[in-house]
Amino acid sequence: MANSAQARKRARQADKQREHNMSLRSELRTAIKKVTKAIEAGDKAAAKVVLSESTSIVDSIADKKIIHKNKAARHKSRLSAAIKAMA
């Protein structure tokens, strides 16, 4: 447990930041699931629209260093490839 005033404040700030990061990470997962669901539905045009919306979310979360930029690129690449593979 934090004993000094400084340590108590840092603990409060860490909790607040962790909750904020968790909400952003949840937003990321939701965006990816939306694209996956659109792909599974089989509607290529709708999937492209959802991918473009999700791409901006993924990029912004990577810019905030919640996830690594390479992980963001990997997600975008795999989702894009899945859409291209649709006939």
Protein backbone atom coordinates (compact mmCIF):
# COMPACT_ATOMS: atom_id res chain seq x y z
CA MET A 1 0.00 0.00 0.00
CA ALA A 2 1.18 3.52 -0.78
CA ASN A 3 2.40 5.36 2.30
CA SER A 4 3.46 8.81 1.14
CA ALA A 5 1.13 11.39 -0.37
CA GLN A 6 3.05 11.21 -3.64
CA ALA A 7 2.71 7.42 -3.81
CA ARG A 8 -1.04 7.62 -3.07
CA LYS A 9 -1.49 10.15 -5.87
CA ARG A 10 0.52 8.02 -8.32
CA ALA A 11 -1.63 5.00 -7.39
CA ARG A 12 -4.80 7.01 -8.07
CA GLN A 13 -3.43 8.24 -11.40
CA ALA A 14 -2.35 4.73 -12.39
CA ASP A 15 -5.84 3.35 -11.71
CA LYS A 16 -7.47 6.12 -13.72
CA GLN A 17 -5.09 5.64 -16.65
CA ARG A 18 -5.52 1.84 -16.56
CA GLU A 19 -9.32 2.21 -16.78
CA HIS A 20 -8.96 4.62 -19.70
CA ASN A 21 -6.58 2.26 -21.51
CA MET A 22 -8.94 -0.68 -20.90
CA SER A 23 -11.84 1.23 -22.45
CA LEU A 24 -9.73 2.06 -25.52
CA ARG A 25 -8.60 -1.56 -25.83
CA SER A 26 -12.24 -2.65 -25.61
CA GLU A 27 -13.13 -0.17 -28.35
CA LEU A 28 -10.39 -1.68 -30.51
CA ARG A 29 -11.69 -5.22 -30.01
CA THR A 30 -15.24 -4.10 -30.82
CA ALA A 31 -14.08 -2.43 -34.06
CA ILE A 32 -12.28 -5.60 -35.14
CA LYS A 33 -15.31 -7.76 -34.30
CA LYS A 34 -17.56 -5.48 -36.39
CA VAL A 35 -15.38 -6.04 -39.45
CA THR A 36 -15.20 -9.79 -38.80
CA LYS A 37 -18.98 -9.96 -38.47
CA ALA A 38 -19.42 -8.04 -41.75
CA ILE A 39 -17.03 -10.45 -43.48
CA GLU A 40 -18.90 -13.47 -42.14
CA ALA A 41 -22.18 -11.96 -43.33
CA GLY A 42 -20.76 -12.04 -46.86
CA ASP A 43 -21.49 -8.44 -47.85
CA LYS A 44 -18.25 -7.17 -49.37
CA ALA A 45 -19.39 -3.56 -49.82
CA ALA A 46 -20.57 -3.28 -46.22
CA ALA A 47 -17.38 -4.94 -45.00
CA LYS A 48 -15.27 -2.33 -46.83
CA VAL A 49 -17.23 0.51 -45.22
CA VAL A 50 -16.87 -1.00 -41.75
CA LEU A 51 -13.14 -1.61 -42.38
CA SER A 52 -12.54 2.03 -43.27
CA GLU A 53 -14.26 3.14 -40.04
CA SER A 54 -12.35 0.58 -37.98
CA THR A 55 -9.02 1.50 -39.56
CA SER A 56 -9.18 5.01 -38.12
CA ILE A 57 -10.01 3.60 -34.66
CA VAL A 58 -7.13 1.11 -34.83
CA ASP A 59 -4.71 3.83 -35.96
CA SER A 60 -5.74 6.26 -33.23
CA ILE A 61 -5.32 3.61 -30.54
CA ALA A 62 -1.89 2.73 -31.93
CA ASP A 63 -0.95 6.44 -31.93
CA LYS A 64 -1.82 6.56 -28.22
CA LYS A 65 0.51 3.57 -27.70
CA ILE A 66 -2.22 1.36 -26.28
CA ILE A 67 -1.09 -1.24 -28.82
CA HIS A 68 2.08 -1.34 -30.90
CA LYS A 69 1.93 0.15 -34.40
CA ASN A 70 2.95 -3.19 -35.92
CA LYS A 71 0.06 -4.94 -34.19
CA ALA A 72 -2.29 -2.31 -35.61
CA ALA A 73 -0.83 -2.82 -39.08
CA ARG A 74 -1.19 -6.60 -38.71
CA HIS A 75 -4.88 -6.32 -37.78
CA LYS A 76 -5.61 -3.96 -40.66
CA SER A 77 -3.70 -6.14 -43.12
CA ARG A 78 -5.44 -9.37 -42.13
CA LEU A 79 -8.90 -7.83 -42.19
CA SER A 80 -8.20 -6.24 -45.57
CA ALA A 81 -6.92 -9.55 -46.94
CA ALA A 82 -10.04 -11.32 -45.67
CA ILE A 83 -12.21 -8.79 -47.49
CA LYS A 84 -10.19 -9.15 -50.70
CA ALA A 85 -10.56 -12.93 -50.49
CA MET A 86 -14.35 -12.59 -50.55
CA ALA A 87 -15.71 -13.60 -53.96
